[in-house]
Amino acid sequence: MLHFYFNKNLIFLIESKFFPILSYKSQVKITPHYSVKTVANLSYRIYGEAAKDGDQSPILLLHGLLGCKKHWDSIGKTMMNVTKRSVLSVDLRNHGDSPHINSHKYEDLTADILKLYEKLNIEKAYLVGHSMGGRASMSVSLLAPPKVAGLLVIDISPTSTARDFSEGFPTILAAMKKINFKKHKSIKEAKEDTRKELESTINNELLLKAVLSNVKMKSDHTIGWACNLDILIRHFKYISSFPKSLRKKTYYGPTLFIGDDLPSIREMFPRAVITYIPQTGHNIHVEDPKTFLELVIAFMKSQE
């Protein structure tokens, strides 16, 4: 039976016999065969108390490149209130309040997330990831399928990378590298001057605000970038591509991709449903949070 949800110009297909439900628990095992030198102890924020019902898997929200956990605050609180699940927003390594570490590959991010699972005694969780966070979510689902109750990926694919991402971000990171914070005495002043310097490079206001949110007072009382800019620049080739070693793996759990150009994903994600939100760009969840939340909540309810 087909289940449709209508919203303005949006048609959302949840699940049908075309994508059969597979018992992936008995077919796949956690695959820890990747080399990670240092695992990060990630910073996170919890919305709502942990669910008392053991079947109520929490939702983990994973940001994109140059993002952080606080960007999910509004969406996280709404998800928690509507789904009645515990929701966690996470700072990925080299971002926000999480440690700066000399590596930034998706295998690294996977190991970090699985360590957070262990720390919080999470048996399995729904993963919601935007852009880089979407690929981190995919990596967790392919390397540790039993730990993922469901996968929701926002505007990124495991098989292709949008030109705006692959070509735009290196320019942005290079422009950020040129910013000199030594002359600034306050965060407000630093952000105002940084905005002026980056406006010619970043013409998207949402992205510019996200970049400016990285300006912070560091532990040594100097102003600088919250993100590990040098490593993000050095390891951008890993961020902008999906690991070849994972492309032959499969996650059989429920999967929703929201975005514009997401081809060739069902070899890795057989149950993937692809949908679109009209008149939105890369930051779908920020540009149209109402429709995004309707999709997420419908997806969660379809798994109950």
Protein backbone atom coordinates (compact mmCIF):
# COMPACT_ATOMS: atom_id res chain seq x y z
CA MET A 1 0.00 0.00 0.00
CA LEU A 2 1.24 3.49 -0.81
CA HIS A 3 1.16 6.28 1.74
CA PHE A 4 1.21 9.84 0.46
CA TYR A 5 1.50 13.12 2.33
CA PHE A 6 0.55 16.29 0.48
CA ASN A 7 1.88 19.75 1.25
CA LYS A 8 1.44 22.55 -1.29
CA ASN A 9 3.49 21.47 -4.31
CA LEU A 10 5.14 18.64 -2.38
CA ILE A 11 4.25 14.98 -2.72
CA PHE A 12 5.94 12.70 -0.21
CA LEU A 13 6.03 8.94 -0.75
CA ILE A 14 6.81 7.08 2.46
CA GLU A 15 6.98 3.38 1.68
CA SER A 16 5.50 0.77 -0.64
CA LYS A 17 5.84 -2.83 -1.70
CA PHE A 18 8.22 -1.55 -4.34
CA PHE A 19 10.76 -1.16 -1.50
CA PRO A 20 10.25 -4.34 0.56
CA ILE A 21 10.97 -4.28 4.28
CA LEU A 22 14.13 -6.28 4.89
CA SER A 23 15.28 -7.77 8.17
CA TYR A 24 18.72 -6.23 8.09
CA LYS A 25 19.61 -7.11 11.69
CA SER A 26 20.18 -10.71 10.76
CA GLN A 27 21.98 -9.93 7.53
CA VAL A 28 24.60 -7.38 8.51
CA LYS A 29 27.04 -6.81 11.33
CA ILE A 30 28.94 -3.82 12.62
CA THR A 31 32.06 -3.43 10.51
CA PRO A 32 34.87 -1.91 12.59
CA HIS A 33 37.52 -2.57 9.92
CA TYR A 34 38.69 1.02 9.53
CA SER A 35 41.74 2.68 11.00
CA VAL A 36 41.15 5.70 13.23
CA LYS A 37 44.11 7.02 15.22
CA THR A 38 42.19 9.31 17.59
CA VAL A 39 38.50 9.22 18.50
CA ALA A 40 36.95 12.51 19.57
CA ASN A 41 34.75 13.01 22.62
CA LEU A 42 32.01 14.99 20.90
CA SER A 43 30.14 17.91 22.40
CA TYR A 44 26.34 17.60 22.23
CA ARG A 45 23.08 19.17 23.37
CA ILE A 46 20.02 17.18 24.48
CA TYR A 47 16.44 18.33 23.89
CA GLY A 48 14.10 16.48 26.26
CA GLU A 49 14.77 13.62 28.63
CA ALA A 50 15.84 10.21 27.45
CA ALA A 51 12.85 8.11 26.42
CA LYS A 52 11.69 5.63 29.06
CA ASP A 53 10.46 3.23 26.40
CA GLY A 54 13.43 1.19 25.20
CA ASP A 55 11.99 1.12 21.67
CA GLN A 56 11.97 4.91 21.45
CA SER A 57 15.27 5.41 19.66
CA PRO A 58 16.61 8.98 20.02
CA ILE A 59 17.25 11.30 17.09
CA LEU A 60 20.79 12.56 16.42
CA LEU A 61 21.15 15.79 14.41
CA LEU A 62 24.44 16.23 12.51
CA HIS A 63 25.37 19.60 11.00
CA GLY A 64 27.15 20.41 7.76
CA LEU A 65 30.58 21.89 7.07
CA LEU A 66 31.19 25.04 9.19
CA GLY A 67 27.99 24.36 11.13
CA CYS A 68 27.50 23.51 14.82
CA LYS A 69 24.99 21.96 17.19
CA LYS A 70 23.26 25.21 18.14
CA HIS A 71 22.07 25.67 14.54
CA TRP A 72 19.59 22.84 15.21
CA ASP A 73 18.03 24.42 18.35
CA SER A 74 14.64 25.38 16.92
CA ILE A 75 14.22 22.22 14.84
CA GLY A 76 15.54 20.00 17.64
CA LYS A 77 13.04 21.34 20.18
CA THR A 78 10.16 20.95 17.74
CA MET A 79 11.18 17.38 16.88
CA MET A 80 11.37 16.51 20.56
CA ASN A 81 7.94 18.00 21.31
CA VAL A 82 6.19 16.33 18.37
CA THR A 83 7.88 12.92 18.28
CA LYS A 84 8.20 12.61 22.08
CA ARG A 85 11.71 11.25 21.52
CA SER A 86 14.95 12.48 22.98
CA VAL A 87 16.77 14.60 20.40
CA LEU A 88 20.51 15.33 20.42
CA SER A 89 22.35 17.89 18.30
CA VAL A 90 26.05 17.11 17.95
CA ASP A 91 29.19 19.13 17.20
CA LEU A 92 31.24 16.99 14.83
CA ARG A 93 35.00 16.93 15.31
CA ASN A 94 36.86 20.13 14.35
CA HIS A 95 33.61 22.10 14.76
CA GLY A 96 31.85 23.96 17.56
CA ASP A 97 32.87 22.82 21.04
CA SER A 98 34.20 19.42 19.94
CA PRO A 99 37.95 18.69 19.94
CA HIS A 100 40.28 19.80 17.18
CA ILE A 101 41.97 16.69 15.80
CA ASN A 102 44.50 16.30 13.01
CA SER A 103 42.21 14.31 10.70
CA HIS A 104 38.78 14.76 9.15
CA LYS A 105 37.69 11.69 7.19
CA TYR A 106 34.24 10.13 7.29
CA GLU A 107 35.69 7.05 8.96
CA ASP A 108 36.89 9.41 11.73
CA LEU A 109 33.46 10.97 12.10
CA THR A 110 31.88 7.52 12.26
CA ALA A 111 34.17 6.42 15.07
CA ASP A 112 33.38 9.63 16.99
CA ILE A 113 29.63 9.12 16.65
CA LEU A 114 29.82 5.48 17.72
CA LYS A 115 31.83 6.55 20.77
CA LEU A 116 29.00 8.96 21.63
CA TYR A 117 26.54 6.06 21.31
CA GLU A 118 28.62 4.12 23.82
CA LYS A 119 28.98 7.07 26.18
CA LEU A 120 25.22 7.68 26.26
CA ASN A 121 24.23 3.99 26.19
CA ILE A 122 22.39 4.42 22.89
CA GLU A 123 21.50 1.07 21.35
CA LYS A 124 20.31 2.59 18.09
CA ALA A 125 19.25 6.03 16.86
CA TYR A 126 17.69 7.86 13.96
CA LEU A 127 20.35 9.91 12.19
CA VAL A 128 19.44 13.23 10.55
CA GLY A 129 22.39 14.77 8.72
CA HIS A 130 22.83 17.84 6.54
CA SER A 131 25.55 17.96 3.86
CA MET A 132 28.79 16.77 5.51
CA GLY A 133 26.67 15.54 8.42
CA GLY A 134 24.55 13.63 5.91
CA ARG A 135 27.60 11.77 4.66
CA ALA A 136 28.70 11.11 8.22
CA SER A 137 25.23 9.63 8.85
CA MET A 138 25.53 7.46 5.74
CA SER A 139 28.95 6.24 6.88
CA VAL A 140 27.60 5.20 10.29
CA SER A 141 24.70 3.35 8.67
CA LEU A 142 27.00 1.45 6.28
CA LEU A 143 29.66 0.58 8.87
CA ALA A 144 27.33 -0.11 11.80
CA PRO A 145 23.83 -0.80 10.40
CA PRO A 146 22.32 -2.28 13.58
CA LYS A 147 23.02 1.04 15.35
CA VAL A 148 20.83 3.04 12.94
CA ALA A 149 17.03 2.90 13.32
CA GLY A 150 16.54 5.11 10.28
CA LEU A 151 18.49 7.52 8.08
CA LEU A 152 17.46 10.97 6.88
CA VAL A 153 19.91 12.80 4.60
CA ILE A 154 19.59 16.46 3.61
CA ASP A 155 20.86 17.70 0.24
CA ILE A 156 23.84 15.47 -0.38
CA SER A 157 24.51 12.16 -2.12
CA PRO A 158 27.07 9.39 -1.60
CA THR A 159 27.79 9.35 -5.32
CA SER A 160 27.98 12.99 -6.43
CA THR A 161 28.96 16.38 -5.04
CA ALA A 162 27.29 19.64 -6.03
CA ARG A 163 29.58 22.14 -7.73
CA ASP A 164 28.58 24.83 -5.21
CA PHE A 165 30.03 22.60 -2.50
CA SER A 166 33.16 21.26 -4.22
CA GLU A 167 34.16 24.61 -5.73
CA GLY A 168 32.53 27.11 -3.38
CA PHE A 169 33.79 25.92 -0.03
CA PRO A 170 37.52 25.92 -0.87
CA THR A 171 37.16 29.60 -1.82
CA ILE A 172 35.29 30.32 1.42
CA LEU A 173 37.82 28.45 3.57
CA ALA A 174 40.69 30.33 1.88
CA ALA A 175 38.95 33.66 2.54
CA MET A 176 38.42 32.69 6.19
CA LYS A 177 42.11 31.86 6.49
CA LYS A 178 43.01 35.44 5.52
CA ILE A 179 41.01 37.01 8.37
CA ASN A 180 43.22 38.63 11.01
CA PHE A 181 41.54 38.76 14.42
CA LYS A 182 44.47 40.27 16.34
CA LYS A 183 43.16 43.83 15.99
CA HIS A 184 39.75 42.99 17.46
CA LYS A 185 38.90 43.47 21.13
CA SER A 186 35.32 42.11 21.12
CA ILE A 187 33.36 39.34 19.40
CA LYS A 188 30.85 41.89 18.11
CA GLU A 189 33.56 43.97 16.48
CA ALA A 190 35.26 40.86 15.06
CA LYS A 191 32.02 39.60 13.51
CA GLU A 192 31.18 42.99 12.01
CA ASP A 193 34.59 43.31 10.34
CA THR A 194 34.61 39.67 9.26
CA ARG A 195 31.20 40.10 7.64
CA LYS A 196 32.52 43.05 5.61
CA GLU A 197 35.57 41.06 4.51
CA LEU A 198 33.60 37.94 3.51
CA GLU A 199 30.55 39.55 1.86
CA SER A 200 32.29 39.64 -1.53
CA THR A 201 33.07 35.91 -1.27
CA ILE A 202 29.85 34.60 0.32
CA ASN A 203 26.68 35.91 -1.34
CA ASN A 204 24.33 33.60 0.58
CA GLU A 205 23.15 35.21 3.81
CA LEU A 206 22.38 31.90 5.54
CA LEU A 207 25.84 30.58 4.80
CA LEU A 208 27.46 33.86 5.82
CA LYS A 209 25.67 33.74 9.19
CA ALA A 210 26.81 30.14 9.67
CA VAL A 211 30.42 31.14 8.98
CA LEU A 212 30.20 34.13 11.33
CA SER A 213 28.88 31.88 14.10
CA ASN A 214 32.36 30.31 14.10
CA VAL A 215 33.93 33.53 15.41
CA LYS A 216 34.46 33.01 19.14
CA MET A 217 36.57 33.80 22.18
CA LYS A 218 38.99 30.91 22.59
CA SER A 219 40.28 29.39 25.83
CA ASP A 220 43.45 31.51 25.66
CA HIS A 221 41.25 34.66 25.60
CA THR A 222 42.04 35.43 21.97
CA ILE A 223 39.42 35.76 19.24
CA GLY A 224 39.51 33.21 16.42
CA TRP A 225 37.65 30.49 14.55
CA ALA A 226 35.77 27.83 16.50
CA CYS A 227 36.34 25.36 13.67
CA ASN A 228 39.72 23.75 12.98
CA LEU A 229 40.23 25.73 9.80
CA ASP A 230 43.67 24.36 8.88
CA ILE A 231 42.52 20.73 9.00
CA LEU A 232 39.28 21.46 7.14
CA ILE A 233 41.33 23.04 4.36
CA ARG A 234 43.90 20.24 4.33
CA HIS A 235 41.31 17.45 4.41
CA PHE A 236 38.67 19.04 2.19
CA LYS A 237 39.30 16.38 -0.46
CA TYR A 238 37.97 13.81 2.01
CA ILE A 239 35.00 15.96 3.01
CA SER A 240 33.94 16.57 -0.60
CA SER A 241 33.98 12.90 -1.59
CA PHE A 242 32.45 9.74 -0.15
CA PRO A 243 34.86 6.93 0.84
CA LYS A 244 35.26 4.38 -1.97
CA SER A 245 35.60 1.63 0.62
CA LEU A 246 31.96 2.20 1.66
CA ARG A 247 30.40 2.18 -1.79
CA LYS A 248 30.07 -1.61 -1.88
CA LYS A 249 28.36 -1.74 1.51
CA THR A 250 24.60 -1.68 2.04
CA TYR A 251 22.21 -0.29 4.63
CA TYR A 252 18.80 -1.97 4.45
CA GLY A 253 17.04 0.25 6.97
CA PRO A 254 14.45 2.98 6.25
CA THR A 255 16.08 5.89 4.45
CA LEU A 256 14.87 9.28 3.24
CA PHE A 257 16.90 11.61 1.04
CA ILE A 258 15.73 15.23 0.76
CA GLY A 259 17.43 17.26 -1.96
CA ASP A 260 17.73 18.30 -5.57
CA ASP A 261 20.12 16.00 -7.43
CA LEU A 262 20.65 12.69 -5.68
CA PRO A 263 21.32 9.92 -8.25
CA SER A 264 22.52 6.32 -7.91
CA ILE A 265 21.92 5.79 -4.22
CA ARG A 266 19.79 2.63 -4.10
CA GLU A 267 22.70 0.25 -4.54
CA MET A 268 23.83 1.29 -1.06
CA PHE A 269 20.40 2.22 0.32
CA PRO A 270 17.81 -0.15 -1.22
CA ARG A 271 14.89 1.32 0.73
CA ALA A 272 15.79 4.92 -0.04
CA VAL A 273 12.96 7.29 -0.85
CA ILE A 274 13.94 10.54 -2.53
CA THR A 275 11.81 13.65 -2.18
CA TYR A 276 12.16 17.38 -2.83
CA ILE A 277 11.13 20.65 -1.25
CA PRO A 278 10.40 23.24 -3.96
CA GLN A 279 12.11 26.62 -3.99
CA THR A 280 14.86 25.76 -1.54
CA GLY A 281 18.63 25.65 -1.84
CA HIS A 282 21.32 23.76 0.04
CA ASN A 283 20.05 24.69 3.53
CA ILE A 284 16.65 23.09 3.04
CA HIS A 285 15.90 22.68 6.75
CA VAL A 286 16.57 26.38 7.40
CA GLU A 287 14.89 27.80 4.29
CA ASP A 288 11.64 25.88 4.76
CA PRO A 289 11.68 24.42 8.29
CA LYS A 290 7.90 23.84 8.34
CA THR A 291 7.91 21.52 5.32
CA PHE A 292 11.16 19.90 6.44
CA LEU A 293 9.70 19.09 9.87
CA GLU A 294 6.53 17.71 8.26
CA LEU A 295 8.70 15.34 6.23
CA VAL A 296 10.81 14.26 9.20
CA ILE A 297 7.82 13.67 11.46
CA ALA A 298 5.95 11.73 8.76
CA PHE A 299 9.06 9.62 8.20
CA MET A 300 9.41 8.87 11.92
CA LYS A 301 5.74 8.00 12.31
CA SER A 302 5.89 5.64 9.33
CA GLN A 303 8.42 3.53 11.25
CA GLU A 304 6.33 3.22 14.43
